[in-house]
Amino acid sequence: MYPDLPKSYKGVYPFRLGTTSFIYPDNYIPNVKMLGPYIDEIELLFLESGAKESLPSKHEIDELSRLSREFEITYNVHLPVDIFMGDNNFLTRNYAVETVKKVMDLCEPLAPSTYTLHLSIDEKTAKTGCLDEWQKLLYKGMEKLISAGIKSEAVSIENLNYSIDWVDRIIDDFNLSVCIDIGHLILYGFDLETVFNKYLDKTTIIHLHGVENGRDHISLDRISEDFIPPLMEILKRFTGVVSLEVFSYNHLDLSLKFLEKCWQREMGKMGSLPIHKGYELP
């Protein structure tokens, strides 16, 4: 019914290579069945908090767990993006905390490598730079989340449309992890290596996708050639999860081929063997 990927990329890179659960126009389980033979990890996208059908059932979680064993894959979870931990409305903040706890409890049997969280900011606050109140509210929300029994290091804070150092205190004080979204760094004009070097020790996952003409989450081959050298330097040093955060078969297929080409070229510069299963950097 759906096209298979042309080859397997399991165990190929020094990092675990993944992609999203939205590659085929179907639900979580069909996507995992199609992708499981070809990659190391799948990013389960739970982007909407309100609709009941936006989260898998207990039966689906059990099946995802079984497929994890069958295909020898792991999962990471992208928490809903329609929640606002730093909102000035107490009920909105409380709903955000409850939603995160609900999703993490649901997915616990899957032992995800990380749960990625957006600490969103409203446009006015971002433009004015008046951050104090927003940061205080975020802090209160995170305090409540941790007090609910959440393992803080399991939560990775993703860089968005603002400098991630705006939430440094929250990351440090609560021992949170970091998700570096390379596409967001490019889209909003941040230096890739500067951010990576600062947060390397805390980074559990990298989101990787193309950016062109103000549009992101497209195939990786649309990334400007200027960004390839720093990107390769980052990937050579990273051993966590790299998720190709695209949402269609064509974008994934092109991204996998482009990444392989860039990696082989980089290894050629180092005088190393081409990419192959079990390869490790010297």
Protein backbone atom coordinates (compact mmCIF):
# COMPACT_ATOMS: atom_id res chain seq x y z
CA MET A 1 0.00 0.00 0.00
CA TYR A 2 2.85 2.38 0.86
CA PRO A 3 6.35 2.52 -0.66
CA ASP A 4 9.20 0.97 1.31
CA LEU A 5 12.40 2.86 1.94
CA PRO A 6 15.09 1.63 -0.49
CA LYS A 7 17.60 0.49 2.16
CA SER A 8 18.18 0.10 5.87
CA TYR A 9 20.05 2.69 7.92
CA LYS A 10 20.06 0.73 11.15
CA GLY A 11 23.33 0.97 13.06
CA VAL A 12 24.98 2.95 10.28
CA TYR A 13 25.97 6.13 12.11
CA PRO A 14 27.62 6.80 15.47
CA PHE A 15 24.29 8.39 16.47
CA ARG A 16 20.88 6.72 16.44
CA LEU A 17 19.01 7.78 13.31
CA GLY A 18 15.29 8.35 13.51
CA THR A 19 12.34 10.07 11.92
CA THR A 20 8.77 10.95 12.79
CA SER A 21 5.62 8.86 13.07
CA PHE A 22 3.98 11.07 10.40
CA ILE A 23 5.82 9.79 7.31
CA TYR A 24 2.90 7.85 5.85
CA PRO A 25 -0.69 9.22 5.90
CA ASP A 26 -1.77 6.75 8.55
CA ASN A 27 -1.73 6.15 12.31
CA TYR A 28 1.17 5.38 14.63
CA ILE A 29 1.26 1.61 14.29
CA PRO A 30 1.22 1.44 10.45
CA ASN A 31 4.01 4.03 10.38
CA VAL A 32 6.11 2.07 12.87
CA LYS A 33 5.59 -1.15 10.90
CA MET A 34 6.77 0.55 7.70
CA LEU A 35 9.71 2.40 9.25
CA GLY A 36 10.87 -0.09 11.86
CA PRO A 37 13.02 -2.24 9.53
CA TYR A 38 14.97 0.78 8.26
CA ILE A 39 15.86 3.15 11.12
CA ASP A 40 16.95 3.09 14.76
CA GLU A 41 14.31 5.24 16.45
CA ILE A 42 10.90 6.76 15.80
CA GLU A 43 9.74 10.14 17.08
CA LEU A 44 6.15 9.71 18.24
CA LEU A 45 4.41 13.00 17.56
CA PHE A 46 1.65 13.89 20.00
CA LEU A 47 1.18 17.46 18.84
CA GLU A 48 -2.41 18.13 19.94
CA SER A 49 -3.54 17.81 23.53
CA GLY A 50 -7.28 18.38 23.23
CA ALA A 51 -8.60 15.68 20.92
CA LYS A 52 -8.95 12.24 22.46
CA GLU A 53 -7.86 10.56 19.24
CA SER A 54 -4.59 12.54 19.22
CA LEU A 55 -3.12 10.16 21.79
CA PRO A 56 -2.76 6.39 21.34
CA SER A 57 -4.90 4.03 23.36
CA LYS A 58 -3.51 1.64 25.95
CA HIS A 59 -3.90 -1.15 23.38
CA GLU A 60 -1.86 0.86 20.84
CA ILE A 61 0.86 1.49 23.43
CA ASP A 62 1.07 -2.25 24.04
CA GLU A 63 1.39 -2.86 20.31
CA LEU A 64 4.04 -0.14 19.95
CA SER A 65 5.96 -1.83 22.73
CA ARG A 66 5.77 -5.17 20.93
CA LEU A 67 6.92 -3.59 17.66
CA SER A 68 9.85 -2.02 19.49
CA ARG A 69 11.07 -5.51 20.36
CA GLU A 70 10.28 -6.96 16.94
CA PHE A 71 12.17 -4.31 14.99
CA GLU A 72 14.77 -3.50 17.65
CA ILE A 73 13.81 0.16 17.60
CA THR A 74 13.43 2.76 20.31
CA TYR A 75 11.09 5.73 20.61
CA ASN A 76 11.21 9.36 21.62
CA VAL A 77 8.10 11.43 22.25
CA HIS A 78 7.31 14.94 21.08
CA LEU A 79 4.96 16.41 23.68
CA PRO A 80 1.96 18.50 22.53
CA VAL A 81 2.79 21.95 21.19
CA ASP A 82 -0.57 23.53 22.09
CA ILE A 83 0.28 23.84 25.78
CA PHE A 84 1.85 26.90 27.42
CA MET A 85 3.88 26.39 30.56
CA GLY A 86 4.63 30.12 30.89
CA ASP A 87 1.15 31.50 30.25
CA ASN A 88 -0.11 34.23 32.60
CA ASN A 89 -3.34 32.29 33.14
CA PHE A 90 -3.03 29.81 35.99
CA LEU A 91 -5.54 27.39 34.44
CA THR A 92 -3.60 27.34 31.17
CA ARG A 93 -0.34 26.63 32.99
CA ASN A 94 -1.97 23.95 35.09
CA TYR A 95 -3.41 22.31 31.97
CA ALA A 96 0.09 22.25 30.45
CA VAL A 97 1.50 20.47 33.50
CA GLU A 98 -1.35 17.96 33.57
CA THR A 99 -0.97 17.26 29.85
CA VAL A 100 2.76 16.57 30.09
CA LYS A 101 2.22 14.26 33.06
CA LYS A 102 -0.61 12.45 31.25
CA VAL A 103 1.47 11.80 28.13
CA MET A 104 4.53 10.71 30.09
CA ASP A 105 2.50 8.30 32.19
CA LEU A 106 0.86 6.87 29.05
CA CYS A 107 4.18 6.33 27.28
CA GLU A 108 6.19 5.02 30.21
CA PRO A 109 5.95 1.37 28.99
CA LEU A 110 7.77 2.45 25.80
CA ALA A 111 10.82 3.73 27.74
CA PRO A 112 11.30 6.71 25.39
CA SER A 113 14.81 8.08 25.03
CA THR A 114 13.44 11.56 25.72
CA TYR A 115 10.26 13.66 25.85
CA THR A 116 10.68 16.87 23.87
CA LEU A 117 8.94 19.95 25.25
CA HIS A 118 8.30 23.40 23.76
CA LEU A 119 8.54 26.33 26.17
CA SER A 120 6.60 28.64 23.90
CA ILE A 121 6.64 32.42 24.17
CA ASP A 122 4.08 34.90 22.89
CA GLU A 123 5.17 37.16 20.06
CA LYS A 124 4.90 40.39 22.07
CA THR A 125 7.13 39.14 24.88
CA ALA A 126 9.67 37.81 22.41
CA LYS A 127 9.84 41.11 20.54
CA THR A 128 10.04 43.35 23.60
CA GLY A 129 12.47 41.16 25.47
CA CYS A 130 10.52 41.69 28.70
CA LEU A 131 11.17 38.18 29.91
CA ASP A 132 11.04 38.34 33.70
CA GLU A 133 7.37 37.48 34.18
CA TRP A 134 7.42 34.78 31.51
CA GLN A 135 10.51 33.19 33.03
CA LYS A 136 8.99 33.27 36.53
CA LEU A 137 5.82 31.59 35.29
CA LEU A 138 7.82 28.95 33.42
CA TYR A 139 9.76 28.28 36.59
CA LYS A 140 6.57 27.81 38.60
CA GLY A 141 5.16 25.48 35.97
CA MET A 142 8.31 23.37 35.92
CA GLU A 143 8.34 23.22 39.71
CA LYS A 144 4.83 21.81 39.65
CA LEU A 145 5.72 19.32 36.93
CA ILE A 146 8.76 17.99 38.78
CA SER A 147 6.81 17.80 42.03
CA ALA A 148 4.33 15.52 40.22
CA GLY A 149 7.05 12.90 40.00
CA ILE A 150 8.48 13.59 36.54
CA LYS A 151 12.11 12.59 35.96
CA SER A 152 13.54 15.92 34.90
CA GLU A 153 16.39 14.56 32.78
CA ALA A 154 13.81 12.72 30.64
CA VAL A 155 12.45 16.07 29.41
CA SER A 156 14.39 17.81 26.62
CA ILE A 157 13.74 21.51 26.01
CA GLU A 158 13.70 22.39 22.32
CA ASN A 159 15.10 25.64 20.93
CA LEU A 160 12.36 27.62 19.21
CA ASN A 161 12.10 31.16 17.80
CA TYR A 162 14.14 32.73 20.62
CA SER A 163 17.61 32.27 22.04
CA ILE A 164 17.59 29.12 24.13
CA ASP A 165 19.74 30.79 26.77
CA TRP A 166 16.56 32.63 27.81
CA VAL A 167 15.64 29.41 29.62
CA ASP A 168 19.12 28.49 30.87
CA ARG A 169 18.17 28.86 34.53
CA ILE A 170 15.21 26.52 34.09
CA ILE A 171 17.33 23.94 32.28
CA ASP A 172 20.09 24.11 34.88
CA ASP A 173 18.03 24.34 38.06
CA PHE A 174 15.76 21.43 37.12
CA ASN A 175 18.46 19.32 35.45
CA LEU A 176 16.55 19.21 32.17
CA SER A 177 17.93 17.89 28.90
CA VAL A 178 18.10 19.78 25.59
CA CYS A 179 16.75 19.12 22.11
CA ILE A 180 18.72 21.04 19.50
CA ASP A 181 16.61 21.70 16.44
CA ILE A 182 19.11 22.50 13.69
CA GLY A 183 16.40 23.74 11.34
CA HIS A 184 15.16 26.24 13.93
CA LEU A 185 18.69 27.51 14.49
CA ILE A 186 19.07 28.14 10.76
CA LEU A 187 15.60 29.61 10.33
CA TYR A 188 16.03 32.13 13.15
CA GLY A 189 19.66 32.99 12.50
CA PHE A 190 21.52 31.33 15.39
CA ASP A 191 25.02 29.87 15.03
CA LEU A 192 24.92 26.07 14.93
CA GLU A 193 28.27 25.29 16.52
CA THR A 194 27.97 27.93 19.24
CA VAL A 195 24.68 26.48 20.46
CA PHE A 196 25.82 22.88 20.13
CA ASN A 197 29.10 23.47 21.96
CA LYS A 198 27.28 25.15 24.84
CA TYR A 199 24.64 22.45 25.28
CA LEU A 200 26.51 19.33 24.12
CA ASP A 201 26.58 17.70 27.54
CA LYS A 202 22.82 18.14 27.98
CA THR A 203 21.68 17.33 24.44
CA THR A 204 19.85 14.02 24.06
CA ILE A 205 18.30 14.57 20.63
CA ILE A 206 18.86 16.63 17.50
CA HIS A 207 16.01 17.52 15.14
CA LEU A 208 17.29 17.76 11.59
CA HIS A 209 15.44 19.04 8.52
CA GLY A 210 15.82 21.35 5.58
CA VAL A 211 15.15 25.09 5.52
CA GLU A 212 14.50 27.18 2.43
CA ASN A 213 12.82 30.55 1.83
CA GLY A 214 11.53 30.78 5.39
CA ARG A 215 10.07 27.27 5.34
CA ASP A 216 11.38 24.44 7.50
CA HIS A 217 10.63 20.74 8.11
CA ILE A 218 11.30 20.00 4.46
CA SER A 219 13.79 17.56 2.95
CA LEU A 220 17.35 17.96 4.13
CA ASP A 221 18.71 18.50 0.62
CA ARG A 222 17.07 21.96 0.68
CA ILE A 223 19.53 23.14 3.31
CA SER A 224 22.08 25.69 2.12
CA GLU A 225 25.52 24.29 1.33
CA ASP A 226 26.97 26.86 3.75
CA PHE A 227 25.51 24.92 6.68
CA ILE A 228 26.82 21.49 5.69
CA PRO A 229 30.37 21.83 7.16
CA PRO A 230 29.21 22.92 10.65
CA LEU A 231 26.42 20.35 10.55
CA MET A 232 28.89 17.55 9.79
CA GLU A 233 31.18 18.72 12.59
CA ILE A 234 28.24 18.50 14.98
CA LEU A 235 27.15 15.05 13.82
CA LYS A 236 30.68 13.64 14.06
CA ARG A 237 30.71 14.51 17.76
CA PHE A 238 27.19 13.40 18.65
CA THR A 239 26.14 9.94 19.87
CA GLY A 240 22.53 10.60 20.86
CA VAL A 241 19.44 10.55 18.63
CA VAL A 242 19.19 12.43 15.33
CA SER A 243 15.59 12.64 14.17
CA LEU A 244 14.92 13.64 10.58
CA GLU A 245 11.90 15.76 11.45
CA VAL A 246 10.00 15.64 8.19
CA PHE A 247 6.44 14.55 7.51
CA SER A 248 6.26 12.68 4.20
CA TYR A 249 7.87 9.72 2.46
CA ASN A 250 9.43 11.88 -0.28
CA HIS A 251 11.00 14.29 2.20
CA LEU A 252 12.34 11.41 4.26
CA ASP A 253 13.73 9.51 1.28
CA LEU A 254 15.52 12.61 -0.03
CA SER A 255 16.80 13.44 3.48
CA LEU A 256 18.25 9.96 4.03
CA LYS A 257 20.03 9.99 0.69
CA PHE A 258 21.37 13.50 1.21
CA LEU A 259 22.63 12.75 4.71
CA GLU A 260 24.35 9.60 3.45
CA LYS A 261 26.03 11.53 0.63
CA CYS A 262 27.26 14.25 2.98
CA TRP A 263 28.49 11.71 5.51
CA GLN A 264 30.40 9.70 2.91
CA ARG A 265 31.99 12.89 1.62
CA GLU A 266 33.01 13.84 5.16
CA MET A 267 34.47 10.42 5.86
CA GLY A 268 36.37 10.62 2.58
CA LYS A 269 38.03 13.81 3.80
CA MET A 270 39.13 11.95 6.92
CA GLY A 271 40.55 9.10 4.86
CA SER A 272 38.01 6.72 6.38
CA LEU A 273 35.96 3.95 4.89
CA PRO A 274 32.54 4.77 3.48
CA ILE A 275 29.42 4.49 5.58
CA HIS A 276 28.47 0.91 6.51
CA LYS A 277 26.68 -0.99 9.24
CA GLY A 278 28.61 -0.99 12.48
CA TYR A 279 30.85 1.91 11.46
CA GLU A 280 32.47 3.81 14.30
CA LEU A 281 34.50 6.97 14.18
CA PRO A 282 38.20 6.45 14.91
